[in-house]
N, C-alpha and C. Protein backbone atom coordinates (compact mmCIF):
# COMPACT_ATOMS: atom_id res chain seq x y z
N UNK A 1 22.37 -53.67 143.78
CA UNK A 1 22.47 -52.37 143.14
C UNK A 1 22.39 -51.27 144.20
N UNK A 2 22.96 -50.15 143.89
CA UNK A 2 23.03 -49.01 144.81
C UNK A 2 21.68 -48.36 145.04
N UNK A 3 21.51 -47.84 146.23
CA UNK A 3 20.35 -46.99 146.54
C UNK A 3 20.68 -45.60 146.01
N UNK A 4 19.70 -44.99 145.39
CA UNK A 4 19.86 -43.67 144.80
C UNK A 4 18.76 -42.75 145.33
N UNK A 5 19.12 -41.52 145.61
CA UNK A 5 18.15 -40.50 146.01
C UNK A 5 17.90 -39.59 144.82
N UNK A 6 16.63 -39.30 144.58
CA UNK A 6 16.30 -38.32 143.56
C UNK A 6 15.41 -37.26 144.19
N UNK A 7 15.51 -36.06 143.67
CA UNK A 7 14.77 -34.93 144.23
C UNK A 7 14.03 -34.19 143.12
N UNK A 8 12.81 -33.80 143.42
CA UNK A 8 12.02 -32.96 142.53
C UNK A 8 11.56 -31.76 143.33
N UNK A 9 11.59 -30.59 142.70
CA UNK A 9 11.22 -29.35 143.37
C UNK A 9 9.90 -28.82 142.83
N UNK A 10 9.16 -28.20 143.73
CA UNK A 10 7.84 -27.66 143.42
C UNK A 10 7.72 -26.27 144.03
N UNK A 11 6.83 -25.45 143.49
CA UNK A 11 6.53 -24.15 144.10
C UNK A 11 5.03 -23.91 144.10
N UNK A 12 4.61 -23.18 145.12
CA UNK A 12 3.20 -22.82 145.24
C UNK A 12 3.08 -21.62 146.17
N UNK A 13 1.98 -20.91 146.02
CA UNK A 13 1.70 -19.72 146.81
C UNK A 13 0.61 -20.06 147.82
N UNK A 14 0.86 -19.79 149.09
CA UNK A 14 -0.13 -20.10 150.12
C UNK A 14 -0.14 -19.00 151.17
N UNK A 15 -1.35 -18.68 151.64
CA UNK A 15 -1.49 -17.73 152.73
C UNK A 15 -1.78 -18.47 154.03
N UNK A 16 -1.48 -17.84 155.13
CA UNK A 16 -1.80 -18.42 156.43
C UNK A 16 -1.74 -17.33 157.50
N UNK A 17 -2.13 -17.68 158.69
CA UNK A 17 -2.00 -16.82 159.86
C UNK A 17 -1.77 -17.73 161.06
N UNK A 18 -0.96 -17.26 161.99
CA UNK A 18 -0.63 -18.05 163.17
C UNK A 18 -1.37 -17.49 164.38
N UNK A 19 -2.43 -18.17 164.76
CA UNK A 19 -3.25 -17.71 165.87
C UNK A 19 -2.45 -17.74 167.18
N UNK A 20 -2.52 -16.65 167.93
CA UNK A 20 -1.87 -16.57 169.23
C UNK A 20 -0.40 -16.22 169.16
N UNK A 21 0.15 -16.10 167.98
CA UNK A 21 1.56 -15.76 167.81
C UNK A 21 1.80 -14.31 168.24
N UNK A 22 3.00 -14.02 168.76
CA UNK A 22 3.27 -12.68 169.28
C UNK A 22 4.02 -11.78 168.30
N UNK A 23 4.05 -12.16 167.04
CA UNK A 23 4.74 -11.34 166.04
C UNK A 23 3.84 -11.06 164.85
N UNK A 24 4.45 -10.57 163.77
CA UNK A 24 3.70 -10.18 162.58
C UNK A 24 2.94 -11.33 161.94
N UNK A 25 3.40 -12.54 162.11
CA UNK A 25 2.76 -13.69 161.46
C UNK A 25 1.39 -14.04 162.05
N UNK A 26 0.96 -13.28 163.05
CA UNK A 26 -0.42 -13.46 163.54
C UNK A 26 -1.40 -12.91 162.52
N UNK A 27 -0.92 -12.03 161.64
CA UNK A 27 -1.74 -11.46 160.58
C UNK A 27 -1.77 -12.39 159.36
N UNK A 28 -2.87 -12.35 158.64
CA UNK A 28 -2.95 -13.14 157.41
C UNK A 28 -1.92 -12.61 156.42
N UNK A 29 -1.12 -13.51 155.90
CA UNK A 29 -0.07 -13.16 154.94
C UNK A 29 0.24 -14.39 154.10
N UNK A 30 1.08 -14.23 153.10
CA UNK A 30 1.37 -15.36 152.23
C UNK A 30 2.84 -15.54 151.96
N UNK A 31 3.16 -16.70 151.40
CA UNK A 31 4.54 -17.04 151.04
C UNK A 31 4.57 -17.70 149.68
N UNK A 32 5.70 -17.56 149.02
CA UNK A 32 5.99 -18.31 147.81
C UNK A 32 6.82 -19.51 148.26
N UNK A 33 6.13 -20.61 148.57
CA UNK A 33 6.79 -21.80 149.10
C UNK A 33 7.53 -22.54 147.99
N UNK A 34 8.65 -23.15 148.39
CA UNK A 34 9.38 -24.06 147.53
C UNK A 34 9.50 -25.37 148.30
N UNK A 35 9.08 -26.46 147.68
CA UNK A 35 9.11 -27.77 148.32
C UNK A 35 10.03 -28.69 147.53
N UNK A 36 11.05 -29.21 148.19
CA UNK A 36 11.95 -30.20 147.60
C UNK A 36 11.61 -31.55 148.19
N UNK A 37 11.30 -32.51 147.31
CA UNK A 37 10.90 -33.86 147.72
C UNK A 37 11.99 -34.82 147.27
N UNK A 38 12.60 -35.51 148.24
CA UNK A 38 13.65 -36.48 147.94
C UNK A 38 13.18 -37.87 148.32
N UNK A 39 13.26 -38.78 147.36
CA UNK A 39 12.92 -40.18 147.61
C UNK A 39 14.16 -41.02 147.38
N UNK A 40 14.14 -42.24 147.92
CA UNK A 40 15.29 -43.13 147.79
C UNK A 40 14.80 -44.52 147.38
N UNK A 41 15.57 -45.14 146.53
CA UNK A 41 15.22 -46.48 146.07
C UNK A 41 16.31 -47.02 145.16
N UNK A 42 16.08 -48.21 144.67
CA UNK A 42 17.01 -48.87 143.75
C UNK A 42 16.49 -48.70 142.33
N UNK A 43 17.34 -48.25 141.41
CA UNK A 43 16.89 -48.11 140.04
C UNK A 43 16.39 -49.45 139.48
N UNK A 44 15.35 -49.38 138.67
CA UNK A 44 14.77 -50.57 138.06
C UNK A 44 15.82 -51.23 137.18
N UNK A 45 16.07 -52.52 137.42
CA UNK A 45 17.14 -53.22 136.70
C UNK A 45 16.62 -54.09 135.55
N UNK A 46 15.32 -54.20 135.42
CA UNK A 46 14.71 -54.98 134.35
C UNK A 46 14.73 -54.16 133.05
N UNK A 47 15.61 -54.57 132.11
CA UNK A 47 15.75 -53.76 130.90
C UNK A 47 14.56 -53.86 129.95
N UNK A 48 13.57 -54.68 130.28
CA UNK A 48 12.34 -54.72 129.48
C UNK A 48 11.30 -53.74 130.03
N UNK A 49 11.57 -53.17 131.19
CA UNK A 49 10.67 -52.19 131.81
C UNK A 49 10.92 -50.83 131.16
N UNK A 50 9.87 -50.15 130.77
CA UNK A 50 10.03 -48.84 130.12
C UNK A 50 10.69 -47.82 131.05
N UNK A 51 10.69 -48.09 132.34
CA UNK A 51 11.31 -47.18 133.30
C UNK A 51 12.65 -47.72 133.80
N UNK A 52 13.26 -48.57 132.97
CA UNK A 52 14.58 -49.16 133.24
C UNK A 52 15.57 -48.06 133.62
N UNK A 53 16.28 -48.26 134.74
CA UNK A 53 17.29 -47.32 135.18
C UNK A 53 16.77 -46.21 136.09
N UNK A 54 15.45 -46.13 136.26
CA UNK A 54 14.87 -45.08 137.11
C UNK A 54 14.56 -45.61 138.50
N UNK A 55 14.71 -44.76 139.50
CA UNK A 55 14.22 -45.08 140.84
C UNK A 55 12.70 -44.93 140.81
N UNK A 56 12.25 -43.78 140.34
CA UNK A 56 10.84 -43.48 140.08
C UNK A 56 10.84 -42.46 138.96
N UNK A 57 9.90 -42.59 138.08
CA UNK A 57 9.77 -41.62 137.00
C UNK A 57 9.45 -40.26 137.62
N UNK A 58 10.19 -39.22 137.25
CA UNK A 58 9.92 -37.88 137.79
C UNK A 58 8.47 -37.48 137.54
N UNK A 59 7.91 -37.92 136.42
CA UNK A 59 6.50 -37.62 136.12
C UNK A 59 5.57 -38.24 137.15
N UNK A 60 5.87 -39.47 137.58
CA UNK A 60 5.05 -40.14 138.59
C UNK A 60 5.16 -39.43 139.94
N UNK A 61 6.37 -39.03 140.30
CA UNK A 61 6.57 -38.29 141.56
C UNK A 61 5.84 -36.94 141.49
N UNK A 62 5.94 -36.28 140.35
CA UNK A 62 5.26 -34.99 140.17
C UNK A 62 3.75 -35.15 140.34
N UNK A 63 3.19 -36.20 139.79
CA UNK A 63 1.74 -36.44 139.88
C UNK A 63 1.32 -36.57 141.34
N UNK A 64 2.06 -37.35 142.11
CA UNK A 64 1.75 -37.56 143.53
C UNK A 64 1.78 -36.23 144.29
N UNK A 65 2.87 -35.49 144.14
CA UNK A 65 3.05 -34.26 144.91
C UNK A 65 2.06 -33.19 144.46
N UNK A 66 1.80 -33.10 143.18
CA UNK A 66 0.81 -32.13 142.70
C UNK A 66 -0.57 -32.43 143.26
N UNK A 67 -0.98 -33.70 143.20
CA UNK A 67 -2.31 -34.06 143.68
C UNK A 67 -2.46 -33.89 145.19
N UNK A 68 -1.44 -34.25 145.94
CA UNK A 68 -1.52 -34.21 147.40
C UNK A 68 -1.24 -32.84 147.99
N UNK A 69 -0.32 -32.09 147.37
CA UNK A 69 0.14 -30.84 147.99
C UNK A 69 -0.16 -29.62 147.11
N UNK A 70 0.50 -29.55 145.97
CA UNK A 70 0.47 -28.33 145.17
C UNK A 70 -0.93 -27.93 144.74
N UNK A 71 -1.69 -28.85 144.18
CA UNK A 71 -3.03 -28.51 143.70
C UNK A 71 -3.96 -28.10 144.85
N UNK A 72 -3.71 -28.62 146.04
CA UNK A 72 -4.54 -28.27 147.20
C UNK A 72 -4.11 -26.96 147.86
N UNK A 73 -2.81 -26.77 148.01
CA UNK A 73 -2.32 -25.63 148.78
C UNK A 73 -2.05 -24.38 147.95
N UNK A 74 -1.90 -24.51 146.64
CA UNK A 74 -1.59 -23.35 145.82
C UNK A 74 -2.75 -22.37 145.82
N UNK A 75 -2.46 -21.15 146.17
CA UNK A 75 -3.42 -20.05 146.24
C UNK A 75 -4.57 -20.34 147.21
N UNK A 76 -4.25 -21.06 148.26
CA UNK A 76 -5.20 -21.31 149.35
C UNK A 76 -4.73 -20.52 150.57
N UNK A 77 -5.63 -20.38 151.53
CA UNK A 77 -5.27 -19.81 152.82
C UNK A 77 -5.51 -20.89 153.85
N UNK A 78 -4.51 -21.11 154.70
CA UNK A 78 -4.54 -22.19 155.68
C UNK A 78 -4.70 -21.62 157.08
N UNK A 79 -5.69 -22.18 157.79
CA UNK A 79 -5.93 -21.78 159.18
C UNK A 79 -6.04 -23.03 160.05
N UNK A 80 -5.68 -22.86 161.33
CA UNK A 80 -5.90 -23.90 162.32
C UNK A 80 -7.38 -23.92 162.65
N UNK A 81 -8.04 -25.05 162.43
CA UNK A 81 -9.49 -25.13 162.64
C UNK A 81 -9.88 -25.09 164.12
N UNK A 82 -8.91 -25.19 165.01
CA UNK A 82 -9.19 -25.19 166.45
C UNK A 82 -8.96 -23.82 167.08
N UNK A 83 -9.09 -22.77 166.28
CA UNK A 83 -8.89 -21.40 166.77
C UNK A 83 -10.05 -20.53 166.28
N UNK A 84 -10.15 -19.32 166.79
CA UNK A 84 -11.18 -18.41 166.28
C UNK A 84 -10.98 -18.03 164.80
N UNK A 85 -9.84 -18.38 164.22
CA UNK A 85 -9.65 -18.13 162.79
C UNK A 85 -10.69 -18.87 161.95
N UNK A 86 -11.34 -19.86 162.54
CA UNK A 86 -12.35 -20.61 161.80
C UNK A 86 -13.49 -19.69 161.35
N UNK A 87 -13.77 -18.65 162.12
CA UNK A 87 -14.81 -17.68 161.73
C UNK A 87 -14.39 -16.93 160.46
N UNK A 88 -13.14 -16.50 160.42
CA UNK A 88 -12.61 -15.83 159.23
C UNK A 88 -12.58 -16.80 158.05
N UNK A 89 -12.19 -18.03 158.32
CA UNK A 89 -12.15 -19.06 157.27
C UNK A 89 -13.53 -19.27 156.66
N UNK A 90 -14.53 -19.35 157.51
CA UNK A 90 -15.90 -19.53 157.02
C UNK A 90 -16.34 -18.35 156.17
N UNK A 91 -16.03 -17.15 156.61
CA UNK A 91 -16.39 -15.95 155.85
C UNK A 91 -15.70 -15.96 154.49
N UNK A 92 -14.43 -16.25 154.47
CA UNK A 92 -13.70 -16.29 153.20
C UNK A 92 -14.25 -17.37 152.27
N UNK A 93 -14.53 -18.53 152.83
CA UNK A 93 -15.10 -19.64 152.03
C UNK A 93 -16.43 -19.23 151.41
N UNK A 94 -17.27 -18.58 152.20
CA UNK A 94 -18.57 -18.13 151.70
C UNK A 94 -18.43 -17.13 150.56
N UNK A 95 -17.30 -16.45 150.53
CA UNK A 95 -17.05 -15.46 149.48
C UNK A 95 -16.25 -16.05 148.31
N UNK A 96 -16.12 -17.39 148.31
CA UNK A 96 -15.49 -18.06 147.18
C UNK A 96 -13.99 -18.26 147.26
N UNK A 97 -13.40 -17.99 148.41
CA UNK A 97 -11.97 -18.19 148.56
C UNK A 97 -11.66 -19.66 148.90
N UNK A 98 -10.49 -20.11 148.46
CA UNK A 98 -10.05 -21.47 148.76
C UNK A 98 -9.37 -21.47 150.13
N UNK A 99 -10.01 -22.09 151.10
CA UNK A 99 -9.51 -22.13 152.48
C UNK A 99 -9.30 -23.58 152.88
N UNK A 100 -8.18 -23.83 153.55
CA UNK A 100 -7.90 -25.16 154.09
C UNK A 100 -7.85 -25.04 155.61
N UNK A 101 -8.64 -25.87 156.28
CA UNK A 101 -8.61 -25.92 157.74
C UNK A 101 -7.84 -27.16 158.16
N UNK A 102 -6.83 -26.95 158.99
CA UNK A 102 -5.99 -28.05 159.46
C UNK A 102 -6.09 -28.14 160.98
N UNK A 103 -5.68 -29.25 161.53
CA UNK A 103 -5.75 -29.41 162.99
C UNK A 103 -4.41 -29.11 163.67
N UNK A 104 -3.63 -28.23 163.04
CA UNK A 104 -2.34 -27.83 163.60
C UNK A 104 -2.10 -26.35 163.30
N UNK A 105 -1.18 -25.76 164.03
CA UNK A 105 -0.75 -24.39 163.73
C UNK A 105 -0.02 -24.43 162.39
N UNK A 106 -0.44 -23.67 161.38
CA UNK A 106 0.14 -23.82 160.04
C UNK A 106 1.51 -23.16 159.86
N UNK A 107 2.46 -23.64 160.65
CA UNK A 107 3.86 -23.23 160.51
C UNK A 107 4.52 -24.13 159.46
N UNK A 108 5.66 -23.71 158.98
CA UNK A 108 6.40 -24.56 158.02
C UNK A 108 6.73 -25.91 158.65
N UNK A 109 7.05 -25.90 159.94
CA UNK A 109 7.41 -27.14 160.63
C UNK A 109 6.25 -28.14 160.59
N UNK A 110 5.07 -27.67 160.93
CA UNK A 110 3.91 -28.56 160.95
C UNK A 110 3.44 -28.92 159.54
N UNK A 111 3.55 -27.99 158.62
CA UNK A 111 3.15 -28.27 157.25
C UNK A 111 4.04 -29.35 156.63
N UNK A 112 5.33 -29.30 156.90
CA UNK A 112 6.24 -30.28 156.30
C UNK A 112 5.95 -31.69 156.85
N UNK A 113 5.54 -31.79 158.11
CA UNK A 113 5.15 -33.09 158.68
C UNK A 113 3.88 -33.60 158.00
N UNK A 114 2.91 -32.73 157.82
CA UNK A 114 1.67 -33.07 157.13
C UNK A 114 1.97 -33.54 155.70
N UNK A 115 2.82 -32.80 155.00
CA UNK A 115 3.16 -33.14 153.62
C UNK A 115 3.86 -34.50 153.55
N UNK A 116 4.76 -34.76 154.50
CA UNK A 116 5.47 -36.05 154.52
C UNK A 116 4.49 -37.20 154.63
N UNK A 117 3.54 -37.08 155.52
CA UNK A 117 2.54 -38.12 155.70
C UNK A 117 1.75 -38.35 154.41
N UNK A 118 1.32 -37.26 153.78
CA UNK A 118 0.51 -37.38 152.56
C UNK A 118 1.31 -38.00 151.41
N UNK A 119 2.55 -37.62 151.27
CA UNK A 119 3.37 -38.14 150.17
C UNK A 119 3.74 -39.60 150.42
N UNK A 120 4.15 -39.92 151.64
CA UNK A 120 4.53 -41.31 151.97
C UNK A 120 3.42 -42.29 151.65
N UNK A 121 2.19 -41.91 151.92
CA UNK A 121 1.05 -42.80 151.69
C UNK A 121 0.78 -43.07 150.22
N UNK A 122 1.35 -42.29 149.33
CA UNK A 122 1.10 -42.45 147.90
C UNK A 122 2.26 -43.08 147.14
N UNK A 123 3.42 -43.18 147.77
CA UNK A 123 4.59 -43.73 147.06
C UNK A 123 4.47 -45.24 146.88
N UNK A 124 5.01 -45.77 145.77
CA UNK A 124 5.06 -47.23 145.60
C UNK A 124 5.84 -47.84 146.76
N UNK A 125 5.52 -49.09 147.11
CA UNK A 125 6.12 -49.71 148.30
C UNK A 125 7.64 -49.82 148.23
N UNK A 126 8.20 -49.89 147.03
CA UNK A 126 9.65 -50.03 146.90
C UNK A 126 10.40 -48.70 146.96
N UNK A 127 9.67 -47.61 147.08
CA UNK A 127 10.26 -46.26 147.15
C UNK A 127 9.97 -45.68 148.53
N UNK A 128 10.99 -45.12 149.17
CA UNK A 128 10.81 -44.49 150.48
C UNK A 128 11.00 -42.98 150.35
N UNK A 129 10.21 -42.25 151.13
CA UNK A 129 10.43 -40.82 151.23
C UNK A 129 11.66 -40.61 152.10
N UNK A 130 12.65 -39.94 151.57
CA UNK A 130 13.89 -39.70 152.31
C UNK A 130 13.83 -38.39 153.09
N UNK A 131 13.40 -37.31 152.39
CA UNK A 131 13.36 -36.01 153.06
C UNK A 131 12.50 -35.02 152.29
N UNK A 132 12.08 -34.00 153.03
CA UNK A 132 11.36 -32.87 152.45
C UNK A 132 12.03 -31.60 152.97
N UNK A 133 12.07 -30.61 152.12
CA UNK A 133 12.52 -29.28 152.53
C UNK A 133 11.44 -28.31 152.07
N UNK A 134 10.84 -27.61 153.03
CA UNK A 134 9.82 -26.62 152.72
C UNK A 134 10.39 -25.24 153.00
N UNK A 135 10.66 -24.53 151.94
CA UNK A 135 11.25 -23.20 152.05
C UNK A 135 10.14 -22.16 152.04
N UNK A 136 10.07 -21.39 153.12
CA UNK A 136 9.02 -20.38 153.29
C UNK A 136 9.45 -19.03 152.73
N UNK A 137 10.70 -18.69 152.95
CA UNK A 137 11.28 -17.45 152.41
C UNK A 137 12.64 -17.80 151.84
N UNK A 138 13.30 -16.82 151.29
CA UNK A 138 14.63 -17.05 150.70
C UNK A 138 15.61 -17.60 151.74
N UNK A 139 15.41 -17.24 153.01
CA UNK A 139 16.39 -17.64 154.03
C UNK A 139 15.83 -18.52 155.14
N UNK A 140 14.58 -18.98 155.02
CA UNK A 140 13.97 -19.76 156.10
C UNK A 140 13.28 -20.99 155.54
N UNK A 141 13.56 -22.14 156.17
CA UNK A 141 12.94 -23.38 155.72
C UNK A 141 12.88 -24.40 156.85
N UNK A 142 12.00 -25.38 156.66
CA UNK A 142 11.88 -26.51 157.60
C UNK A 142 12.19 -27.77 156.82
N UNK A 143 12.85 -28.72 157.48
CA UNK A 143 13.20 -29.98 156.84
C UNK A 143 12.66 -31.15 157.64
N UNK A 144 12.27 -32.20 156.92
CA UNK A 144 11.80 -33.45 157.51
C UNK A 144 12.67 -34.55 156.91
N UNK A 145 13.21 -35.42 157.77
CA UNK A 145 14.02 -36.56 157.33
C UNK A 145 13.42 -37.84 157.90
N UNK A 146 13.27 -38.83 157.06
CA UNK A 146 12.74 -40.13 157.50
C UNK A 146 13.60 -40.70 158.62
N UNK A 147 14.91 -40.51 158.53
CA UNK A 147 15.83 -41.07 159.54
C UNK A 147 15.61 -40.47 160.92
N UNK A 148 15.00 -39.30 161.00
CA UNK A 148 14.71 -38.66 162.29
C UNK A 148 13.36 -39.08 162.85
N UNK A 149 12.58 -39.77 162.05
CA UNK A 149 11.22 -40.09 162.45
C UNK A 149 11.05 -41.58 162.50
């Protein structure tokens, strides 16, 4: 049977700042991110399976991505924990803000790699992550492809 790719799209709001950057993004700011998750697999051929004909139930894919990415990153502020931004992060956390500290510069490029790792680890063994597209603005995005990695 043919391999089929399916894609589900997600959106979330996240703030970040790029420590040491020489432009406006050194300031704390936010984006309305759009994440497209594409997986590849063979549709289930067992007609007694309730998911007959599906590569993966969109609901199952949604659950994985919501738990790993959307529920964590939505309305959070992301900082690199290896920079002085950790002081600001601690202050915000003490004031009840949702802050995520990561061990990378929180660019779209690095975030999409992080997201790929988190999603891949949760997919059923017969389903592969094909690609991710993380859109930061209407005209700017980062993409991750399994074939490149």
